[in-house]
Amino acid sequence: MYCYLYRKFQRFHHSGLLDAAKAGGEFLLRYARVAPPGKKCAFVLTRDGRPVKVQRTIFSECFYTMAMNELWRVTGEGHYQREAVEMMDQIVRWVREDQSGLGQPRLAGAPAVEPMAVPMMLLNLVEQLSEADMELAAQYAELGNWCTQRLLQHVQRDGQAILENVSEDGKELSGCLGRHQNPGHALEAGWFLLRHSIQKGDLELRAHIIDKFLLLPFHSGWDPEHGGLFYFQDVDDFCPTQLEWAMKLWWPHSEAMIAFLMGYSDSGDPALLHLFYQVAEYTFRQFRDPEYGEWFGYLNREGKVALTIKGGPFKGCFHVPRCLAMCEEMLGVLLSRPALEPVPDARSLPAVPARQGME
């Protein structure tokens, strides 16, 4: 994140930020890859680099890859990029060939599940590594298309729902696992897919993504009574099994702001601009601490602060600054465009209610 800010914004282009990023990168290079030797990255390390926790997923490795690639972009030092590509290749092997290295033996009674987060994160890495790199863009083109098709399999119920988990062959699963929905994840996947469709120049895919991955999860996931996006939902309106299902968290709202502004920037549809404003208005009113700055991460359903911590094991320096940085970039481009036709002020548009049911 520090590297991204350093290379994208003049006001962050100073040596202190770059030095901090390089110090973090060197710490990761020295200590992060722990188990099995040189492959898995620790999720938690002590101050002096001893491993505390290793997750049996690909996500620590995904963020390690993003960090190394960004370090290479700002420093030009090739060993960072070699690390990024090497780890990317390892992640692809885990996902597409052999997941045994993740330490997740498949138990006899466990269903074969594909969570949306896996192809979603892999698509994000494809776009990260392919940025302004024609060679890697060509190398990962097939992988990007594969991720896209896997994500589109999560559109279920005749196109009326995005399900977080499906079977490996793209079918709905039984029970609460199959009914599980995560509006924030769908919206985050939506802007990854939207960026992919824009790069390909595929207008039909873009329209499908806006309809299914932006509008659908917003209309089903927006709380009609108190505002904000539910954390989890059940597609059949049964009570979700997650205790925190009705809470409002920082990151789904961050990803929704990116998604709607990106959708508007590319399509020019003022309804998407309105949804961006609706989410942004709620987000800055409820999550931001007006006295001390930063955002609270965890609100109850009514929008009151449930946990006063502003950082923790999962809320770090990522979703908030990424959202603010990307939105600032997109807004800057929009404001620099010549006005071809008047766009209605989003604040003057009526609120968009949550969809009742899934009809």
Protein backbone atom coordinates (compact mmCIF):
# COMPACT_ATOMS: atom_id res chain seq x y z
CA MET A 1 0.00 0.00 0.00
CA TYR A 2 2.85 2.39 0.79
CA CYS A 3 4.43 1.60 -2.58
CA TYR A 4 1.14 2.20 -4.40
CA LEU A 5 0.68 5.57 -2.73
CA TYR A 6 4.33 6.45 -3.38
CA ARG A 7 4.09 5.83 -7.13
CA LYS A 8 0.57 7.13 -7.74
CA PHE A 9 0.37 10.37 -5.72
CA GLN A 10 2.86 13.19 -5.69
CA ARG A 11 2.10 14.12 -2.08
CA PHE A 12 3.15 10.61 -0.97
CA HIS A 13 6.27 10.55 -3.12
CA HIS A 14 8.82 10.99 -0.35
CA SER A 15 11.69 8.92 0.95
CA GLY A 16 10.21 8.20 4.37
CA LEU A 17 7.31 6.24 2.93
CA LEU A 18 9.53 4.35 0.50
CA ASP A 19 12.03 3.50 3.23
CA ALA A 20 9.21 2.13 5.40
CA ALA A 21 7.91 0.02 2.49
CA LYS A 22 11.39 -1.37 1.75
CA ALA A 23 11.93 -2.17 5.44
CA GLY A 24 8.65 -4.09 5.48
CA GLY A 25 9.54 -5.90 2.27
CA GLU A 26 12.95 -6.95 3.54
CA PHE A 27 11.37 -8.20 6.77
CA LEU A 28 8.96 -10.33 4.73
CA LEU A 29 11.75 -11.64 2.51
CA ARG A 30 13.73 -12.71 5.55
CA TYR A 31 10.99 -14.18 7.71
CA ALA A 32 7.61 -14.64 5.99
CA ARG A 33 8.12 -17.84 3.98
CA VAL A 34 8.12 -20.48 6.70
CA ALA A 35 6.18 -23.70 6.08
CA PRO A 36 6.78 -25.89 4.26
CA PRO A 37 10.27 -24.40 3.96
CA GLY A 38 10.20 -21.48 1.54
CA LYS A 39 6.61 -21.92 0.33
CA LYS A 40 3.84 -20.95 2.77
CA CYS A 41 3.84 -17.47 4.27
CA ALA A 42 3.12 -16.87 7.93
CA PHE A 43 -0.09 -14.98 8.71
CA VAL A 44 1.37 -13.69 12.00
CA LEU A 45 5.00 -13.16 13.00
CA THR A 46 6.51 -11.93 16.23
CA ARG A 47 8.33 -8.61 16.27
CA ASP A 48 11.63 -10.45 15.73
CA GLY A 49 10.25 -12.60 12.90
CA ARG A 50 9.30 -15.89 14.57
CA PRO A 51 6.17 -17.49 13.05
CA VAL A 52 3.05 -17.51 15.21
CA LYS A 53 0.31 -18.63 12.81
CA VAL A 54 0.13 -20.07 9.31
CA GLN A 55 -3.24 -20.20 7.54
CA ARG A 56 -4.17 -23.14 5.34
CA THR A 57 -5.28 -20.86 2.53
CA ILE A 58 -3.63 -18.90 -0.29
CA PHE A 59 -4.33 -15.41 0.97
CA SER A 60 -1.16 -14.54 2.92
CA GLU A 61 0.76 -15.58 -0.18
CA CYS A 62 -1.49 -13.43 -2.40
CA PHE A 63 -0.73 -10.31 -0.39
CA TYR A 64 2.96 -11.20 -0.27
CA THR A 65 2.91 -11.36 -4.09
CA MET A 66 1.20 -7.97 -4.36
CA ALA A 67 3.73 -6.41 -1.98
CA MET A 68 6.75 -7.75 -3.84
CA ASN A 69 5.38 -6.63 -7.21
CA GLU A 70 4.73 -3.11 -5.92
CA LEU A 71 8.21 -2.94 -4.38
CA TRP A 72 9.67 -3.84 -7.75
CA ARG A 73 7.62 -1.13 -9.45
CA VAL A 74 8.94 1.63 -7.20
CA THR A 75 12.53 0.43 -6.73
CA GLY A 76 13.30 -1.35 -10.01
CA GLU A 77 15.09 -4.03 -7.98
CA GLY A 78 14.60 -7.33 -9.81
CA HIS A 79 14.71 -9.65 -6.79
CA TYR A 80 11.34 -8.31 -5.65
CA GLN A 81 9.72 -9.14 -8.98
CA ARG A 82 11.31 -12.59 -9.04
CA GLU A 83 9.78 -13.23 -5.63
CA ALA A 84 6.38 -12.06 -6.87
CA VAL A 85 6.40 -14.26 -9.97
CA GLU A 86 7.76 -17.28 -8.09
CA MET A 87 5.04 -17.00 -5.45
CA MET A 88 2.40 -16.43 -8.11
CA ASP A 89 3.43 -19.66 -9.82
CA GLN A 90 3.19 -21.48 -6.49
CA ILE A 91 -0.29 -20.11 -5.82
CA VAL A 92 -1.47 -21.20 -9.27
CA ARG A 93 -0.15 -24.72 -8.64
CA TRP A 94 -2.05 -24.89 -5.36
CA VAL A 95 -5.27 -23.68 -6.95
CA ARG A 96 -5.22 -25.55 -10.26
CA GLU A 97 -3.04 -28.60 -9.73
CA ASP A 98 -2.27 -29.75 -6.20
CA GLN A 99 -3.54 -28.14 -2.99
CA SER A 100 -1.83 -30.63 -0.68
CA GLY A 101 0.87 -28.05 0.11
CA LEU A 102 -1.73 -25.88 1.82
CA GLY A 103 -2.06 -28.42 4.62
CA GLN A 104 -5.76 -29.01 4.00
CA PRO A 105 -6.28 -32.75 3.57
CA ARG A 106 -9.72 -33.41 2.11
CA LEU A 107 -11.79 -35.31 4.65
CA ALA A 108 -14.15 -38.02 3.46
CA GLY A 109 -17.32 -36.20 4.49
CA ALA A 110 -16.33 -32.69 3.44
CA PRO A 111 -18.05 -31.32 0.32
CA ALA A 112 -15.91 -30.22 -2.61
CA VAL A 113 -16.35 -26.46 -2.39
CA GLU A 114 -15.09 -23.52 -4.40
CA PRO A 115 -15.30 -20.32 -2.34
CA MET A 116 -15.56 -17.17 -4.45
CA ALA A 117 -12.51 -15.69 -2.72
CA VAL A 118 -10.08 -18.04 -4.49
CA PRO A 119 -10.67 -17.14 -8.17
CA MET A 120 -11.39 -13.56 -7.07
CA MET A 121 -7.97 -13.11 -5.47
CA LEU A 122 -6.23 -14.91 -8.31
CA LEU A 123 -7.85 -12.55 -10.83
CA ASN A 124 -6.67 -9.60 -8.75
CA LEU A 125 -3.12 -10.95 -8.88
CA VAL A 126 -3.34 -11.39 -12.65
CA GLU A 127 -4.30 -7.75 -13.00
CA GLN A 128 -1.64 -6.63 -10.49
CA LEU A 129 1.21 -8.45 -12.22
CA SER A 130 -0.01 -7.63 -15.74
CA GLU A 131 -0.15 -3.86 -15.22
CA ALA A 132 2.10 -2.24 -17.84
CA ASP A 133 3.90 -5.57 -18.37
CA MET A 134 2.99 -6.99 -21.76
CA GLU A 135 5.01 -10.17 -21.26
CA LEU A 136 3.30 -11.13 -18.02
CA ALA A 137 -0.07 -9.98 -19.38
CA ALA A 138 0.32 -12.49 -22.23
CA GLN A 139 1.54 -15.18 -19.84
CA TYR A 140 -1.46 -14.79 -17.52
CA ALA A 141 -4.16 -14.11 -20.13
CA GLU A 142 -5.55 -17.66 -20.03
CA LEU A 143 -5.46 -17.63 -16.23
CA GLY A 144 -7.44 -14.37 -16.15
CA ASN A 145 -10.11 -15.86 -18.40
CA TRP A 146 -10.21 -19.01 -16.26
CA CYS A 147 -10.72 -16.95 -13.08
CA THR A 148 -13.48 -14.98 -14.79
CA GLN A 149 -15.37 -18.09 -15.77
CA ARG A 150 -15.01 -19.55 -12.28
CA LEU A 151 -16.39 -16.36 -10.75
CA LEU A 152 -19.32 -16.27 -13.15
CA GLN A 153 -20.31 -19.73 -11.87
CA HIS A 154 -21.26 -18.08 -8.58
CA VAL A 155 -24.23 -16.42 -10.31
CA GLN A 156 -26.98 -18.87 -9.32
CA ARG A 157 -30.78 -19.12 -8.97
CA ASP A 158 -31.39 -18.26 -12.65
CA GLY A 159 -29.28 -15.15 -12.32
CA GLN A 160 -31.01 -13.86 -9.20
CA ALA A 161 -28.31 -14.47 -6.59
CA ILE A 162 -24.56 -14.46 -6.04
CA LEU A 163 -23.63 -17.40 -3.81
CA GLU A 164 -20.36 -17.33 -1.91
CA ASN A 165 -19.77 -21.07 -2.24
CA VAL A 166 -20.53 -23.43 -5.10
CA SER A 167 -19.41 -26.94 -5.97
CA GLU A 168 -16.23 -27.38 -7.99
CA ASP A 169 -18.36 -27.93 -11.10
CA GLY A 170 -20.34 -24.75 -10.49
CA LYS A 171 -23.51 -26.12 -8.90
CA GLU A 172 -25.40 -24.91 -5.85
CA LEU A 173 -24.54 -26.71 -2.62
CA SER A 174 -27.07 -27.90 -0.08
CA GLY A 175 -27.48 -26.49 3.41
CA CYS A 176 -26.36 -23.21 4.93
CA LEU A 177 -22.98 -23.44 3.20
CA GLY A 178 -24.69 -23.28 -0.18
CA ARG A 179 -27.15 -20.55 0.86
CA HIS A 180 -24.37 -18.31 2.19
CA GLN A 181 -24.02 -14.82 0.68
CA ASN A 182 -21.44 -12.10 1.27
CA PRO A 183 -22.50 -8.83 -0.40
CA GLY A 184 -19.13 -7.18 0.13
CA HIS A 185 -17.25 -10.04 -1.50
CA ALA A 186 -19.60 -10.00 -4.48
CA LEU A 187 -19.02 -6.27 -4.95
CA GLU A 188 -15.25 -6.64 -4.62
CA ALA A 189 -15.26 -9.47 -7.15
CA GLY A 190 -17.46 -7.21 -9.25
CA TRP A 191 -14.87 -4.51 -9.69
CA PHE A 192 -12.11 -7.07 -10.33
CA LEU A 193 -14.32 -8.51 -13.08
CA LEU A 194 -15.31 -5.06 -14.31
CA ARG A 195 -11.66 -4.07 -14.70
CA HIS A 196 -11.03 -7.33 -16.57
CA SER A 197 -13.94 -6.72 -18.94
CA ILE A 198 -12.81 -3.13 -19.58
CA GLN A 199 -9.30 -4.30 -20.43
CA LYS A 200 -10.74 -6.86 -22.85
CA GLY A 201 -13.17 -4.34 -24.36
CA ASP A 202 -16.03 -6.78 -23.77
CA LEU A 203 -19.15 -4.60 -23.46
CA GLU A 204 -21.51 -7.57 -23.06
CA LEU A 205 -19.47 -8.95 -20.15
CA ARG A 206 -19.32 -5.47 -18.61
CA ALA A 207 -23.10 -5.14 -18.67
CA HIS A 208 -23.52 -8.62 -17.16
CA ILE A 209 -21.08 -7.83 -14.35
CA ILE A 210 -22.75 -4.52 -13.51
CA ASP A 211 -26.12 -6.23 -13.32
CA LYS A 212 -25.09 -9.35 -11.41
CA PHE A 213 -22.05 -8.37 -9.31
CA LEU A 214 -22.85 -4.72 -8.56
CA LEU A 215 -26.58 -4.10 -8.61
CA LEU A 216 -27.77 -7.52 -7.44
CA PRO A 217 -25.67 -7.76 -4.25
CA PHE A 218 -26.35 -4.12 -3.43
CA HIS A 219 -30.13 -4.44 -3.72
CA SER A 220 -30.21 -7.65 -1.70
CA GLY A 221 -27.51 -6.63 0.79
CA TRP A 222 -28.42 -3.04 1.67
CA ASP A 223 -30.21 -2.78 5.01
CA PRO A 224 -33.54 -1.03 4.24
CA GLU A 225 -34.08 -0.07 7.88
CA HIS A 226 -30.73 1.24 9.09
CA GLY A 227 -28.66 1.58 5.93
CA GLY A 228 -25.33 -0.04 5.23
CA LEU A 229 -24.45 -3.44 3.85
CA PHE A 230 -25.12 -6.59 5.83
CA TYR A 231 -22.00 -8.64 6.42
CA PHE A 232 -23.58 -12.01 5.62
CA GLN A 233 -26.94 -13.15 4.29
CA ASP A 234 -28.88 -16.33 3.61
CA VAL A 235 -30.28 -16.50 0.09
CA ASP A 236 -33.53 -18.05 1.35
CA ASP A 237 -33.89 -15.48 4.15
CA PHE A 238 -33.22 -18.02 6.89
CA CYS A 239 -31.19 -16.75 9.82
CA PRO A 240 -27.51 -16.87 8.84
CA THR A 241 -25.33 -19.03 11.07
CA GLN A 242 -22.61 -16.40 11.49
CA LEU A 243 -23.04 -14.47 14.74
CA GLU A 244 -21.89 -11.22 13.10
CA TRP A 245 -24.16 -11.47 10.05
CA ALA A 246 -26.07 -8.22 10.72
CA MET A 247 -23.02 -6.12 11.54
CA LYS A 248 -21.71 -3.42 9.21
CA LEU A 249 -17.98 -3.72 8.49
CA TRP A 250 -15.53 -1.27 6.95
CA TRP A 251 -14.30 -3.33 4.03
CA PRO A 252 -17.58 -4.18 2.18
CA HIS A 253 -18.38 -0.46 2.07
CA SER A 254 -14.88 0.36 0.82
CA GLU A 255 -15.21 -2.19 -1.98
CA ALA A 256 -18.71 -1.00 -2.87
CA MET A 257 -17.45 2.57 -3.32
CA ILE A 258 -14.74 1.38 -5.73
CA ALA A 259 -17.18 -0.83 -7.63
CA PHE A 260 -19.87 1.79 -8.22
CA LEU A 261 -17.45 4.57 -9.09
CA MET A 262 -15.60 2.30 -11.52
CA GLY A 263 -18.91 1.24 -13.05
CA TYR A 264 -19.97 4.84 -13.50
CA SER A 265 -16.57 5.94 -14.82
CA ASP A 266 -16.74 3.37 -17.60
CA SER A 267 -20.46 3.26 -18.41
CA GLY A 268 -21.57 6.82 -17.61
CA ASP A 269 -24.75 5.45 -16.00
CA PRO A 270 -25.82 8.09 -13.43
CA ALA A 271 -27.61 5.41 -11.37
CA LEU A 272 -24.20 3.98 -10.51
CA LEU A 273 -22.95 7.42 -9.50
CA HIS A 274 -25.93 7.72 -7.19
CA LEU A 275 -25.16 4.35 -5.59
CA PHE A 276 -21.56 5.43 -5.09
CA TYR A 277 -22.79 8.54 -3.30
CA GLN A 278 -25.29 6.56 -1.23
CA VAL A 279 -22.60 4.17 0.01
CA ALA A 280 -20.03 6.95 0.50
CA GLU A 281 -22.46 9.09 2.48
CA TYR A 282 -23.20 6.20 4.87
CA THR A 283 -19.54 5.19 5.09
CA PHE A 284 -18.10 8.59 5.95
CA ARG A 285 -20.93 9.31 8.37
CA GLN A 286 -20.76 6.01 10.27
CA PHE A 287 -17.21 4.61 10.06
CA ARG A 288 -15.02 7.71 10.15
CA ASP A 289 -13.88 9.01 13.52
CA PRO A 290 -14.37 12.80 13.23
CA GLU A 291 -12.29 13.49 16.34
CA TYR A 292 -9.18 11.36 15.88
CA GLY A 293 -9.35 10.28 12.25
CA GLU A 294 -9.17 6.79 10.69
CA TRP A 295 -12.19 4.51 10.49
CA PHE A 296 -13.77 2.25 13.03
CA GLY A 297 -14.10 -1.21 11.55
CA TYR A 298 -17.06 -2.85 13.25
CA LEU A 299 -20.53 -1.37 13.66
CA ASN A 300 -23.71 -3.02 14.89
CA ARG A 301 -26.76 -3.20 12.68
CA GLU A 302 -27.95 0.24 13.78
CA GLY A 303 -24.62 1.74 12.73
CA LYS A 304 -23.21 2.33 16.20
CA VAL A 305 -19.58 1.49 16.92
CA ALA A 306 -19.41 -2.05 18.28
CA LEU A 307 -15.62 -2.29 18.64
CA THR A 308 -13.53 0.82 19.23
CA ILE A 309 -10.33 -0.71 17.84
CA LYS A 310 -9.26 0.72 14.49
CA GLY A 311 -6.82 -2.05 13.66
CA GLY A 312 -6.46 -5.72 14.45
CA PRO A 313 -5.70 -9.12 12.94
CA PHE A 314 -7.84 -8.39 9.87
CA LYS A 315 -8.28 -4.61 9.65
CA GLY A 316 -4.92 -3.33 8.49
CA CYS A 317 -3.55 -0.72 6.10
CA PHE A 318 -5.33 -2.03 3.03
CA HIS A 319 -9.06 -1.73 2.26
CA VAL A 320 -9.47 1.85 3.46
CA PRO A 321 -6.40 3.39 1.78
CA ARG A 322 -6.94 1.32 -1.37
CA CYS A 323 -10.51 2.58 -1.57
CA LEU A 324 -9.61 6.21 -0.95
CA ALA A 325 -6.69 6.10 -3.38
CA MET A 326 -8.61 4.44 -6.20
CA CYS A 327 -11.65 6.66 -5.74
CA GLU A 328 -9.47 9.78 -5.72
CA GLU A 329 -7.83 8.63 -8.97
CA MET A 330 -11.16 7.91 -10.66
CA LEU A 331 -12.74 11.14 -9.46
CA GLY A 332 -9.74 13.10 -10.70
CA VAL A 333 -10.13 11.60 -14.16
CA LEU A 334 -13.88 12.26 -14.17
CA LEU A 335 -13.43 15.87 -13.13
CA SER A 336 -10.86 16.42 -15.87
CA ARG A 337 -13.17 15.17 -18.62
CA PRO A 338 -15.02 17.69 -20.77
CA ALA A 339 -18.70 17.71 -19.85
CA LEU A 340 -20.49 16.16 -22.81
CA GLU A 341 -23.88 16.25 -21.17
CA PRO A 342 -25.13 17.26 -17.73
CA VAL A 343 -25.04 14.55 -15.08
CA PRO A 344 -27.58 14.91 -12.27
CA ASP A 345 -26.22 15.71 -8.85
CA ALA A 346 -26.27 12.37 -7.00
CA ARG A 347 -27.49 14.06 -3.84
CA SER A 348 -30.65 15.18 -5.61
CA LEU A 349 -31.63 11.67 -6.65
CA PRO A 350 -34.05 9.61 -4.54
CA ALA A 351 -32.61 6.89 -2.32
CA VAL A 352 -32.49 3.44 -3.89
CA PRO A 353 -34.35 1.01 -1.62
CA ALA A 354 -33.12 -2.50 -0.97
CA ARG A 355 -34.84 -5.11 -3.11
CA GLN A 356 -37.56 -6.98 -1.24
CA GLY A 357 -36.83 -10.67 -1.63
CA MET A 358 -35.00 -11.86 -4.74
CA GLU A 359 -37.67 -11.37 -7.38
